[in-house]
Amino acid sequence: MAHGMLEETRRGQPLYLTTKEVAELLRVKERKVYDLAAAGEIPHRRITGKLLFPSAEILAWIEGGGETVPAERPAVLAGSHDPLLDWAVRESGSGLATLLNGSLDGLDCFVDGRAALAGLHVPEEAGWNVGTVAARGVRDSVLLAWAVRARGLILSEPMHGEVQCFSDLAGKRVVMRQPGAGAAALFKDLLSREGLTETDLIPSTELARTESDAAAAVAAGDADAALGIEAMARRFHLPFLPLVEERFDLLVDRRACFTDPVQTLLAFARGDALRHKAAAMGGYDLSETGTVRWLSP
């Protein structure tokens, strides 16, 4: 684009451009702009689900020949809640802020540059997390193993012995998780395998957004069961019926790996304190913690 056209564009330009405006500026179809954003090849922000493009960054991107210089990510851990990870973030003194609203929400935050790390446990046909992350086309990132967790049904005392398999949940009061949570995706898969739907249950009206919220609802007598992790069943002294072993991984931006908050957390994860805590909580296998599960192109 000619320098004069860029100068003309700068005058009166709003702070953020829409997809249509960027398409007109680049003289391409809107679909191409969506593809560039999805691949992380053009500066953008996702606000309340809508794509917006900082005009100053777009113009710099154009003048730079279409090369994106990634903005520095905030020291935020997004994604799914893991009580051991939550403890480690605080105990290590990492200074990381947490924004925990489910695996897929965390992945969105990561893709949009709003988080340096994302905690994920997304079930897939051939495993956990890797295919989901690869499909989003993330760049300059690494997926690190955090823990393998025992997941199953956390039961109220009256349900101990009455619920002996997943299909026994029919007609029971069950805690539900928010859309986008890894536990919600797994629960849907388990329902399908047993030929059940949510209409066969009495679902909770209030969604549990963390592992502790799910277990607390059962402990308070608000539900008969919840799909949760063994560590939370132990914390609330509730019966636990194991179903699967799931992988909880950390998606980490490569540049953020070398920042003090992330380095502090990762160093703490290599120490004995984390293993002692995991053993006390129960339901954790840390034998692969810190190993690389996937590298972005």
C-alpha atoms as a PDB file:
ATOM      1  CA  MET A   1       0.000   0.000   0.000  1.00  0.00           C
ATOM      2  CA  ALA A   2       1.326   3.426  -0.897  1.00  0.00           C
ATOM      3  CA  HIS A   3       2.749   5.594   1.885  1.00  0.00           C
ATOM      4  CA  GLY A   4       0.312   8.391   1.014  1.00  0.00           C
ATOM      5  CA  MET A   5      -2.658   6.097   1.465  1.00  0.00           C
ATOM      6  CA  LEU A   6      -1.367   5.076   4.891  1.00  0.00           C
ATOM      7  CA  GLU A   7      -1.017   8.714   5.906  1.00  0.00           C
ATOM      8  CA  GLU A   8      -4.554   9.362   4.729  1.00  0.00           C
ATOM      9  CA  THR A   9      -5.810   6.343   6.693  1.00  0.00           C
ATOM     10  CA  ARG A  10      -4.211   7.595   9.905  1.00  0.00           C
ATOM     11  CA  ARG A  11      -6.217  10.822   9.918  1.00  0.00           C
ATOM     12  CA  GLY A  12      -9.490  10.364  11.774  1.00  0.00           C
ATOM     13  CA  GLN A  13      -8.903   6.651  12.243  1.00  0.00           C
ATOM     14  CA  PRO A  14     -10.765   5.080  15.192  1.00  0.00           C
ATOM     15  CA  LEU A  15      -8.721   3.223  17.805  1.00  0.00           C
ATOM     16  CA  TYR A  16     -10.165  -0.107  16.695  1.00  0.00           C
ATOM     17  CA  LEU A  17     -11.290  -1.330  13.288  1.00  0.00           C
ATOM     18  CA  THR A  18     -13.975  -3.870  12.472  1.00  0.00           C
ATOM     19  CA  THR A  19     -13.379  -6.928  10.316  1.00  0.00           C
ATOM     20  CA  LYS A  20     -15.124  -5.205   7.416  1.00  0.00           C
ATOM     21  CA  GLU A  21     -12.965  -2.083   7.758  1.00  0.00           C
ATOM     22  CA  VAL A  22      -9.763  -4.142   7.829  1.00  0.00           C
ATOM     23  CA  ALA A  23     -10.908  -6.067   4.757  1.00  0.00           C
ATOM     24  CA  GLU A  24     -11.525  -2.810   2.926  1.00  0.00           C
ATOM     25  CA  LEU A  25      -8.133  -1.467   4.004  1.00  0.00           C
ATOM     26  CA  LEU A  26      -6.342  -4.600   2.802  1.00  0.00           C
ATOM     27  CA  ARG A  27      -8.592  -4.960  -0.263  1.00  0.00           C
ATOM     28  CA  VAL A  28      -9.416  -8.567   0.586  1.00  0.00           C
ATOM     29  CA  LYS A  29     -12.565 -10.434   1.517  1.00  0.00           C
ATOM     30  CA  GLU A  30     -13.674 -10.514   5.169  1.00  0.00           C
ATOM     31  CA  ARG A  31     -13.138 -14.293   5.231  1.00  0.00           C
ATOM     32  CA  LYS A  32      -9.417 -13.693   4.619  1.00  0.00           C
ATOM     33  CA  VAL A  33      -9.264 -11.365   7.638  1.00  0.00           C
ATOM     34  CA  TYR A  34     -10.913 -14.017   9.833  1.00  0.00           C
ATOM     35  CA  ASP A  35      -8.367 -16.575   8.603  1.00  0.00           C
ATOM     36  CA  LEU A  36      -5.442 -14.244   9.362  1.00  0.00           C
ATOM     37  CA  ALA A  37      -6.775 -13.619  12.879  1.00  0.00           C
ATOM     38  CA  ALA A  38      -7.362 -17.320  13.548  1.00  0.00           C
ATOM     39  CA  ALA A  39      -3.777 -18.072  12.530  1.00  0.00           C
ATOM     40  CA  GLY A  40      -2.435 -15.264  14.723  1.00  0.00           C
ATOM     41  CA  GLU A  41      -0.965 -13.537  11.680  1.00  0.00           C
ATOM     42  CA  ILE A  42      -2.630 -10.157  12.141  1.00  0.00           C
ATOM     43  CA  PRO A  43      -2.910  -7.966  15.279  1.00  0.00           C
ATOM     44  CA  HIS A  44      -6.351  -8.344  16.825  1.00  0.00           C
ATOM     45  CA  ARG A  45      -8.340  -8.515  20.041  1.00  0.00           C
ATOM     46  CA  ARG A  46     -11.411 -10.576  20.901  1.00  0.00           C
ATOM     47  CA  ILE A  47     -13.776  -8.575  23.118  1.00  0.00           C
ATOM     48  CA  THR A  48     -17.090 -10.138  24.212  1.00  0.00           C
ATOM     49  CA  GLY A  49     -16.723 -12.582  21.348  1.00  0.00           C
ATOM     50  CA  LYS A  50     -16.207  -9.898  18.687  1.00  0.00           C
ATOM     51  CA  LEU A  51     -13.023  -9.371  16.709  1.00  0.00           C
ATOM     52  CA  LEU A  52     -11.522  -5.876  16.850  1.00  0.00           C
ATOM     53  CA  PHE A  53      -8.288  -4.680  15.274  1.00  0.00           C
ATOM     54  CA  PRO A  54      -6.117  -1.937  16.863  1.00  0.00           C
ATOM     55  CA  SER A  55      -5.678   0.544  14.022  1.00  0.00           C
ATOM     56  CA  ALA A  56      -2.163   1.604  15.040  1.00  0.00           C
ATOM     57  CA  GLU A  57      -0.978  -2.013  15.150  1.00  0.00           C
ATOM     58  CA  ILE A  58      -2.665  -2.800  11.831  1.00  0.00           C
ATOM     59  CA  LEU A  59      -0.901   0.093  10.111  1.00  0.00           C
ATOM     60  CA  ALA A  60       2.438  -0.914  11.644  1.00  0.00           C
ATOM     61  CA  TRP A  61       1.786  -4.483  10.508  1.00  0.00           C
ATOM     62  CA  ILE A  62       1.138  -3.307   6.945  1.00  0.00           C
ATOM     63  CA  GLU A  63       4.226  -1.106   6.877  1.00  0.00           C
ATOM     64  CA  GLY A  64       6.267  -4.001   8.243  1.00  0.00           C
ATOM     65  CA  GLY A  65       5.317  -6.171   5.298  1.00  0.00           C
ATOM     66  CA  GLY A  66       2.702  -8.154   7.167  1.00  0.00           C
ATOM     67  CA  GLU A  67       5.031  -9.421   9.889  1.00  0.00           C
ATOM     68  CA  THR A  68       3.357  -9.549  13.292  1.00  0.00           C
ATOM     69  CA  VAL A  69       5.407  -8.730  16.361  1.00  0.00           C
ATOM     70  CA  PRO A  70       3.557 -10.424  19.244  1.00  0.00           C
ATOM     71  CA  ALA A  71       2.606  -8.129  22.079  1.00  0.00           C
ATOM     72  CA  GLU A  72       3.934  -9.016  25.504  1.00  0.00           C
ATOM     73  CA  ARG A  73       1.413 -11.242  27.246  1.00  0.00           C
ATOM     74  CA  PRO A  74       0.080 -10.363  30.695  1.00  0.00           C
ATOM     75  CA  ALA A  75       1.172 -12.567  33.624  1.00  0.00           C
ATOM     76  CA  VAL A  76      -2.156 -14.404  33.666  1.00  0.00           C
ATOM     77  CA  LEU A  77      -2.986 -18.087  33.992  1.00  0.00           C
ATOM     78  CA  ALA A  78      -6.314 -18.778  32.277  1.00  0.00           C
ATOM     79  CA  GLY A  79      -8.295 -21.945  31.664  1.00  0.00           C
ATOM     80  CA  SER A  80      -9.441 -24.750  33.898  1.00  0.00           C
ATOM     81  CA  HIS A  81      -9.241 -24.935  37.671  1.00  0.00           C
ATOM     82  CA  ASP A  82      -6.838 -27.406  39.233  1.00  0.00           C
ATOM     83  CA  PRO A  83      -6.520 -27.183  43.029  1.00  0.00           C
ATOM     84  CA  LEU A  84      -2.893 -28.325  43.027  1.00  0.00           C
ATOM     85  CA  LEU A  85      -1.958 -25.755  40.384  1.00  0.00           C
ATOM     86  CA  ASP A  86      -3.926 -23.081  42.225  1.00  0.00           C
ATOM     87  CA  TRP A  87      -1.948 -23.885  45.383  1.00  0.00           C
ATOM     88  CA  ALA A  88       1.360 -23.880  43.487  1.00  0.00           C
ATOM     89  CA  VAL A  89       0.688 -20.461  41.944  1.00  0.00           C
ATOM     90  CA  ARG A  90       0.208 -18.993  45.435  1.00  0.00           C
ATOM     91  CA  GLU A  91       2.816 -21.009  47.337  1.00  0.00           C
ATOM     92  CA  SER A  92       5.567 -20.359  44.784  1.00  0.00           C
ATOM     93  CA  GLY A  93       5.061 -16.601  44.983  1.00  0.00           C
ATOM     94  CA  SER A  94       4.880 -16.493  41.189  1.00  0.00           C
ATOM     95  CA  GLY A  95       2.698 -13.410  41.108  1.00  0.00           C
ATOM     96  CA  LEU A  96       0.552 -14.899  38.342  1.00  0.00           C
ATOM     97  CA  ALA A  97      -3.051 -13.752  38.249  1.00  0.00           C
ATOM     98  CA  THR A  98      -5.685 -16.404  37.515  1.00  0.00           C
ATOM     99  CA  LEU A  99      -8.677 -16.239  35.218  1.00  0.00           C
ATOM    100  CA  LEU A 100     -10.315 -19.648  35.546  1.00  0.00           C
ATOM    101  CA  ASN A 101     -13.475 -20.226  33.545  1.00  0.00           C
ATOM    102  CA  GLY A 102     -12.935 -23.544  31.813  1.00  0.00           C
ATOM    103  CA  SER A 103     -10.489 -25.063  29.349  1.00  0.00           C
ATOM    104  CA  LEU A 104     -11.938 -23.658  26.130  1.00  0.00           C
ATOM    105  CA  ASP A 105     -12.388 -20.169  27.553  1.00  0.00           C
ATOM    106  CA  GLY A 106      -8.754 -20.331  28.649  1.00  0.00           C
ATOM    107  CA  LEU A 107      -7.687 -21.420  25.176  1.00  0.00           C
ATOM    108  CA  ASP A 108      -9.565 -18.451  23.711  1.00  0.00           C
ATOM    109  CA  CYS A 109      -7.778 -16.125  26.139  1.00  0.00           C
ATOM    110  CA  PHE A 110      -4.434 -17.624  25.155  1.00  0.00           C
ATOM    111  CA  VAL A 111      -5.075 -17.400  21.415  1.00  0.00           C
ATOM    112  CA  ASP A 112      -6.114 -13.751  21.813  1.00  0.00           C
ATOM    113  CA  GLY A 113      -2.946 -12.921  23.763  1.00  0.00           C
ATOM    114  CA  ARG A 114      -4.758 -12.241  27.047  1.00  0.00           C
ATOM    115  CA  ALA A 115      -2.889 -14.922  29.012  1.00  0.00           C
ATOM    116  CA  ALA A 116       0.653 -16.267  29.228  1.00  0.00           C
ATOM    117  CA  LEU A 117      -0.534 -19.757  30.200  1.00  0.00           C
ATOM    118  CA  ALA A 118      -3.710 -21.811  29.935  1.00  0.00           C
ATOM    119  CA  GLY A 119      -4.645 -24.902  31.949  1.00  0.00           C
ATOM    120  CA  LEU A 120      -6.422 -27.505  29.806  1.00  0.00           C
ATOM    121  CA  HIS A 121      -8.041 -30.922  30.165  1.00  0.00           C
ATOM    122  CA  VAL A 122     -10.029 -31.378  26.962  1.00  0.00           C
ATOM    123  CA  PRO A 123     -11.048 -34.964  26.129  1.00  0.00           C
ATOM    124  CA  GLU A 124     -10.302 -36.147  22.582  1.00  0.00           C
ATOM    125  CA  GLU A 125     -10.786 -39.409  20.727  1.00  0.00           C
ATOM    126  CA  ALA A 126      -7.071 -40.177  20.903  1.00  0.00           C
ATOM    127  CA  GLY A 127      -6.178 -38.539  24.201  1.00  0.00           C
ATOM    128  CA  TRP A 128      -6.214 -35.103  25.783  1.00  0.00           C
ATOM    129  CA  ASN A 129      -5.550 -31.505  24.688  1.00  0.00           C
ATOM    130  CA  VAL A 130      -3.008 -31.949  21.881  1.00  0.00           C
ATOM    131  CA  GLY A 131      -5.448 -32.109  18.970  1.00  0.00           C
ATOM    132  CA  THR A 132      -7.548 -29.272  20.374  1.00  0.00           C
ATOM    133  CA  VAL A 133      -4.547 -26.954  20.697  1.00  0.00           C
ATOM    134  CA  ALA A 134      -3.094 -27.902  17.314  1.00  0.00           C
ATOM    135  CA  ALA A 135      -6.438 -27.217  15.627  1.00  0.00           C
ATOM    136  CA  ARG A 136      -6.389 -23.622  16.862  1.00  0.00           C
ATOM    137  CA  GLY A 137      -3.157 -22.920  14.997  1.00  0.00           C
ATOM    138  CA  VAL A 138      -1.325 -21.414  17.959  1.00  0.00           C
ATOM    139  CA  ARG A 139       2.245 -20.281  17.303  1.00  0.00           C
ATOM    140  CA  ASP A 140       5.380 -19.995  19.438  1.00  0.00           C
ATOM    141  CA  SER A 141       3.892 -22.140  22.194  1.00  0.00           C
ATOM    142  CA  VAL A 142       4.574 -25.338  24.089  1.00  0.00           C
ATOM    143  CA  LEU A 143       2.200 -27.738  25.829  1.00  0.00           C
ATOM    144  CA  LEU A 144       3.679 -28.977  29.108  1.00  0.00           C
ATOM    145  CA  ALA A 145       2.372 -31.854  31.197  1.00  0.00           C
ATOM    146  CA  TRP A 146       1.133 -30.730  34.611  1.00  0.00           C
ATOM    147  CA  ALA A 147      -0.531 -33.826  36.072  1.00  0.00           C
ATOM    148  CA  VAL A 148      -2.572 -36.916  35.403  1.00  0.00           C
ATOM    149  CA  ARG A 149      -5.684 -36.716  37.595  1.00  0.00           C
ATOM    150  CA  ALA A 150      -8.153 -39.357  38.750  1.00  0.00           C
ATOM    151  CA  ARG A 151     -11.625 -38.186  37.704  1.00  0.00           C
ATOM    152  CA  GLY A 152     -14.926 -39.809  38.525  1.00  0.00           C
ATOM    153  CA  LEU A 153     -18.155 -39.309  40.447  1.00  0.00           C
ATOM    154  CA  ILE A 154     -18.112 -37.476  43.759  1.00  0.00           C
ATOM    155  CA  LEU A 155     -21.099 -38.845  45.662  1.00  0.00           C
ATOM    156  CA  SER A 156     -23.150 -37.825  48.643  1.00  0.00           C
ATOM    157  CA  GLU A 157     -23.134 -40.292  51.526  1.00  0.00           C
ATOM    158  CA  PRO A 158     -26.679 -41.591  50.747  1.00  0.00           C
ATOM    159  CA  MET A 159     -25.527 -42.401  47.182  1.00  0.00           C
ATOM    160  CA  HIS A 160     -22.565 -44.487  48.395  1.00  0.00           C
ATOM    161  CA  GLY A 161     -23.357 -48.000  47.171  1.00  0.00           C
ATOM    162  CA  GLU A 162     -26.462 -46.897  45.272  1.00  0.00           C
ATOM    163  CA  VAL A 163     -24.464 -45.342  42.425  1.00  0.00           C
ATOM    164  CA  GLN A 164     -22.028 -48.016  41.253  1.00  0.00           C
ATOM    165  CA  CYS A 165     -21.569 -46.926  37.622  1.00  0.00           C
ATOM    166  CA  PHE A 166     -22.187 -43.825  35.530  1.00  0.00           C
ATOM    167  CA  SER A 167     -25.582 -44.985  34.239  1.00  0.00           C
ATOM    168  CA  ASP A 168     -26.858 -45.096  37.836  1.00  0.00           C
ATOM    169  CA  LEU A 169     -27.025 -41.285  37.710  1.00  0.00           C
ATOM    170  CA  ALA A 170     -30.392 -41.508  35.934  1.00  0.00           C
ATOM    171  CA  GLY A 171     -32.965 -39.716  38.051  1.00  0.00           C
ATOM    172  CA  LYS A 172     -30.316 -38.280  40.408  1.00  0.00           C
ATOM    173  CA  ARG A 173     -29.516 -34.629  41.205  1.00  0.00           C
ATOM    174  CA  VAL A 174     -26.269 -33.879  39.386  1.00  0.00           C
ATOM    175  CA  VAL A 175     -23.988 -30.838  39.486  1.00  0.00           C
ATOM    176  CA  MET A 176     -23.469 -29.345  36.023  1.00  0.00           C
ATOM    177  CA  ARG A 177     -20.393 -27.464  34.778  1.00  0.00           C
ATOM    178  CA  GLN A 178     -20.216 -24.384  32.572  1.00  0.00           C
ATOM    179  CA  PRO A 179     -20.058 -24.731  28.760  1.00  0.00           C
ATOM    180  CA  GLY A 180     -16.452 -24.840  27.616  1.00  0.00           C
ATOM    181  CA  ALA A 181     -15.219 -26.631  30.727  1.00  0.00           C
ATOM    182  CA  GLY A 182     -13.260 -29.828  30.131  1.00  0.00           C
ATOM    183  CA  ALA A 183     -15.421 -31.573  32.719  1.00  0.00           C
ATOM    184  CA  ALA A 184     -18.549 -30.534  30.819  1.00  0.00           C
ATOM    185  CA  ALA A 185     -17.172 -32.014  27.585  1.00  0.00           C
ATOM    186  CA  LEU A 186     -16.245 -35.259  29.320  1.00  0.00           C
ATOM    187  CA  PHE A 187     -19.636 -35.452  31.035  1.00  0.00           C
ATOM    188  CA  LYS A 188     -21.363 -35.077  27.666  1.00  0.00           C
ATOM    189  CA  ASP A 189     -19.226 -37.887  26.232  1.00  0.00           C
ATOM    190  CA  LEU A 190     -20.005 -40.173  29.167  1.00  0.00           C
ATOM    191  CA  LEU A 191     -23.734 -39.488  28.843  1.00  0.00           C
ATOM    192  CA  SER A 192     -23.583 -40.369  25.149  1.00  0.00           C
ATOM    193  CA  ARG A 193     -21.721 -43.618  25.798  1.00  0.00           C
ATOM    194  CA  GLU A 194     -24.414 -44.720  28.230  1.00  0.00           C
ATOM    195  CA  GLY A 195     -27.268 -43.658  25.951  1.00  0.00           C
ATOM    196  CA  LEU A 196     -28.361 -40.937  28.375  1.00  0.00           C
ATOM    197  CA  THR A 197     -29.152 -37.244  28.003  1.00  0.00           C
ATOM    198  CA  GLU A 198     -29.465 -34.442  30.525  1.00  0.00           C
ATOM    199  CA  THR A 199     -33.233 -35.013  30.519  1.00  0.00           C
ATOM    200  CA  ASP A 200     -32.560 -38.330  32.289  1.00  0.00           C
ATOM    201  CA  LEU A 201     -31.011 -36.409  35.194  1.00  0.00           C
ATOM    202  CA  ILE A 202     -32.058 -33.684  37.582  1.00  0.00           C
ATOM    203  CA  PRO A 203     -29.411 -31.101  36.626  1.00  0.00           C
ATOM    204  CA  SER A 204     -28.371 -28.370  39.032  1.00  0.00           C
ATOM    205  CA  THR A 205     -29.657 -24.909  38.210  1.00  0.00           C
ATOM    206  CA  GLU A 206     -26.413 -23.241  39.332  1.00  0.00           C
ATOM    207  CA  LEU A 207     -23.314 -24.159  37.350  1.00  0.00           C
ATOM    208  CA  ALA A 208     -20.126 -25.122  39.197  1.00  0.00           C
ATOM    209  CA  ARG A 209     -17.184 -23.222  37.719  1.00  0.00           C
ATOM    210  CA  THR A 210     -14.375 -24.901  39.660  1.00  0.00           C
ATOM    211  CA  GLU A 211     -13.559 -28.361  40.964  1.00  0.00           C
ATOM    212  CA  SER A 212     -14.073 -27.162  44.536  1.00  0.00           C
ATOM    213  CA  ASP A 213     -17.471 -25.644  43.674  1.00  0.00           C
ATOM    214  CA  ALA A 214     -18.637 -28.982  42.247  1.00  0.00           C
ATOM    215  CA  ALA A 215     -17.600 -30.953  45.334  1.00  0.00           C
ATOM    216  CA  ALA A 216     -18.952 -28.309  47.709  1.00  0.00           C
ATOM    217  CA  ALA A 217     -22.411 -28.562  46.126  1.00  0.00           C
ATOM    218  CA  VAL A 218     -22.500 -32.289  46.886  1.00  0.00           C
ATOM    219  CA  ALA A 219     -21.152 -31.781  50.403  1.00  0.00           C
ATOM    220  CA  ALA A 220     -23.834 -29.160  51.089  1.00  0.00           C
ATOM    221  CA  GLY A 221     -26.591 -31.579  50.066  1.00  0.00           C
ATOM    222  CA  ASP A 222     -27.528 -29.575  46.970  1.00  0.00           C
ATOM    223  CA  ALA A 223     -26.800 -32.545  44.685  1.00  0.00           C
ATOM    224  CA  ASP A 224     -26.380 -36.305  44.781  1.00  0.00           C
ATOM    225  CA  ALA A 225     -23.326 -36.403  42.554  1.00  0.00           C
ATOM    226  CA  ALA A 226     -20.812 -34.401  40.547  1.00  0.00           C
ATOM    227  CA  LEU A 227     -18.199 -35.312  37.981  1.00  0.00           C
ATOM    228  CA  GLY A 228     -15.068 -34.308  39.862  1.00  0.00           C
ATOM    229  CA  ILE A 229     -11.522 -35.212  40.795  1.00  0.00           C
ATOM    230  CA  GLU A 230     -10.448 -37.506  43.600  1.00  0.00           C
ATOM    231  CA  ALA A 231      -8.566 -34.725  45.392  1.00  0.00           C
ATOM    232  CA  MET A 232     -11.792 -32.780  45.925  1.00  0.00           C
ATOM    233  CA  ALA A 233     -13.696 -35.857  47.097  1.00  0.00           C
ATOM    234  CA  ARG A 234     -11.002 -36.361  49.720  1.00  0.00           C
ATOM    235  CA  ARG A 235     -11.034 -32.729  50.781  1.00  0.00           C
ATOM    236  CA  PHE A 236     -14.778 -32.880  51.480  1.00  0.00           C
ATOM    237  CA  HIS A 237     -14.633 -36.459  52.872  1.00  0.00           C
ATOM    238  CA  LEU A 238     -17.056 -37.748  50.233  1.00  0.00           C
ATOM    239  CA  PRO A 239     -17.289 -41.129  48.469  1.00  0.00           C
ATOM    240  CA  PHE A 240     -15.547 -41.283  45.093  1.00  0.00           C
ATOM    241  CA  LEU A 241     -16.200 -43.582  42.126  1.00  0.00           C
ATOM    242  CA  PRO A 242     -13.196 -43.432  39.711  1.00  0.00           C
ATOM    243  CA  LEU A 243     -13.986 -43.384  35.990  1.00  0.00           C
ATOM    244  CA  VAL A 244     -11.023 -42.051  33.972  1.00  0.00           C
ATOM    245  CA  GLU A 245      -7.486 -40.766  34.277  1.00  0.00           C
ATOM    246  CA  GLU A 246      -7.229 -37.411  32.556  1.00  0.00           C
ATOM    247  CA  ARG A 247      -4.306 -35.244  31.519  1.00  0.00           C
ATOM    248  CA  PHE A 248      -4.166 -31.672  32.778  1.00  0.00           C
ATOM    249  CA  ASP A 249      -1.645 -29.711  30.709  1.00  0.00           C
ATOM    250  CA  LEU A 250      -0.308 -26.167  30.590  1.00  0.00           C
ATOM    251  CA  LEU A 251      -0.175 -24.315  27.289  1.00  0.00           C
ATOM    252  CA  VAL A 252       2.649 -21.785  27.634  1.00  0.00           C
ATOM    253  CA  ASP A 253       3.786 -18.982  25.358  1.00  0.00           C
ATOM    254  CA  ARG A 254       7.476 -19.513  24.535  1.00  0.00           C
ATOM    255  CA  ARG A 255       8.464 -15.913  25.228  1.00  0.00           C
ATOM    256  CA  ALA A 256       6.485 -15.939  28.474  1.00  0.00           C
ATOM    257  CA  CYS A 257       8.415 -19.052  29.539  1.00  0.00           C
ATOM    258  CA  PHE A 258      11.386 -16.810  30.264  1.00  0.00           C
ATOM    259  CA  THR A 259       9.515 -14.233  32.355  1.00  0.00           C
ATOM    260  CA  ASP A 260       9.935 -14.247  36.132  1.00  0.00           C
ATOM    261  CA  PRO A 261       6.342 -15.309  37.004  1.00  0.00           C
ATOM    262  CA  VAL A 262       6.364 -18.354  34.714  1.00  0.00           C
ATOM    263  CA  GLN A 263       9.945 -19.310  35.576  1.00  0.00           C
ATOM    264  CA  THR A 264       9.090 -19.138  39.281  1.00  0.00           C
ATOM    265  CA  LEU A 265       6.107 -21.457  38.851  1.00  0.00           C
ATOM    266  CA  LEU A 266       7.988 -23.952  36.670  1.00  0.00           C
ATOM    267  CA  ALA A 267      10.936 -24.054  39.076  1.00  0.00           C
ATOM    268  CA  PHE A 268       8.561 -24.683  41.968  1.00  0.00           C
ATOM    269  CA  ALA A 269       6.951 -27.525  39.998  1.00  0.00           C
ATOM    270  CA  ARG A 270      10.303 -29.323  39.933  1.00  0.00           C
ATOM    271  CA  GLY A 271      10.640 -29.294  43.707  1.00  0.00           C
ATOM    272  CA  ASP A 272       9.634 -31.728  46.435  1.00  0.00           C
ATOM    273  CA  ALA A 273       6.993 -29.431  47.935  1.00  0.00           C
ATOM    274  CA  LEU A 274       4.662 -29.963  44.986  1.00  0.00           C
ATOM    275  CA  ARG A 275       4.993 -33.740  45.180  1.00  0.00           C
ATOM    276  CA  HIS A 276       4.357 -33.804  48.914  1.00  0.00           C
ATOM    277  CA  LYS A 277       1.256 -31.656  48.428  1.00  0.00           C
ATOM    278  CA  ALA A 278      -0.010 -33.854  45.579  1.00  0.00           C
ATOM    279  CA  ALA A 279       0.428 -36.983  47.697  1.00  0.00           C
ATOM    280  CA  ALA A 280      -1.477 -35.384  50.560  1.00  0.00           C
ATOM    281  CA  MET A 281      -4.323 -34.300  48.267  1.00  0.00           C
ATOM    282  CA  GLY A 282      -4.548 -37.658  46.482  1.00  0.00           C
ATOM    283  CA  GLY A 283      -5.524 -38.583  42.953  1.00  0.00           C
ATOM    284  CA  TYR A 284      -2.481 -37.049  41.245  1.00  0.00           C
ATOM    285  CA  ASP A 285       0.300 -38.608  39.165  1.00  0.00           C
ATOM    286  CA  LEU A 286       3.179 -36.150  38.687  1.00  0.00           C
ATOM    287  CA  SER A 287       5.604 -38.547  36.996  1.00  0.00           C
ATOM    288  CA  GLU A 288       5.534 -36.523  33.739  1.00  0.00           C
ATOM    289  CA  THR A 289       5.198 -33.019  35.175  1.00  0.00           C
ATOM    290  CA  GLY A 290       7.153 -30.507  33.096  1.00  0.00           C
ATOM    291  CA  THR A 291       7.681 -32.765  30.087  1.00  0.00           C
ATOM    292  CA  VAL A 292       6.844 -31.422  26.627  1.00  0.00           C
ATOM    293  CA  ARG A 293       3.653 -32.890  25.194  1.00  0.00           C
ATOM    294  CA  TRP A 294       3.490 -30.754  22.032  1.00  0.00           C
ATOM    295  CA  LEU A 295       5.413 -27.968  20.308  1.00  0.00           C
ATOM    296  CA  SER A 296       3.834 -25.468  17.961  1.00  0.00           C
ATOM    297  CA  PRO A 297       5.213 -25.128  14.414  1.00  0.00           C
END
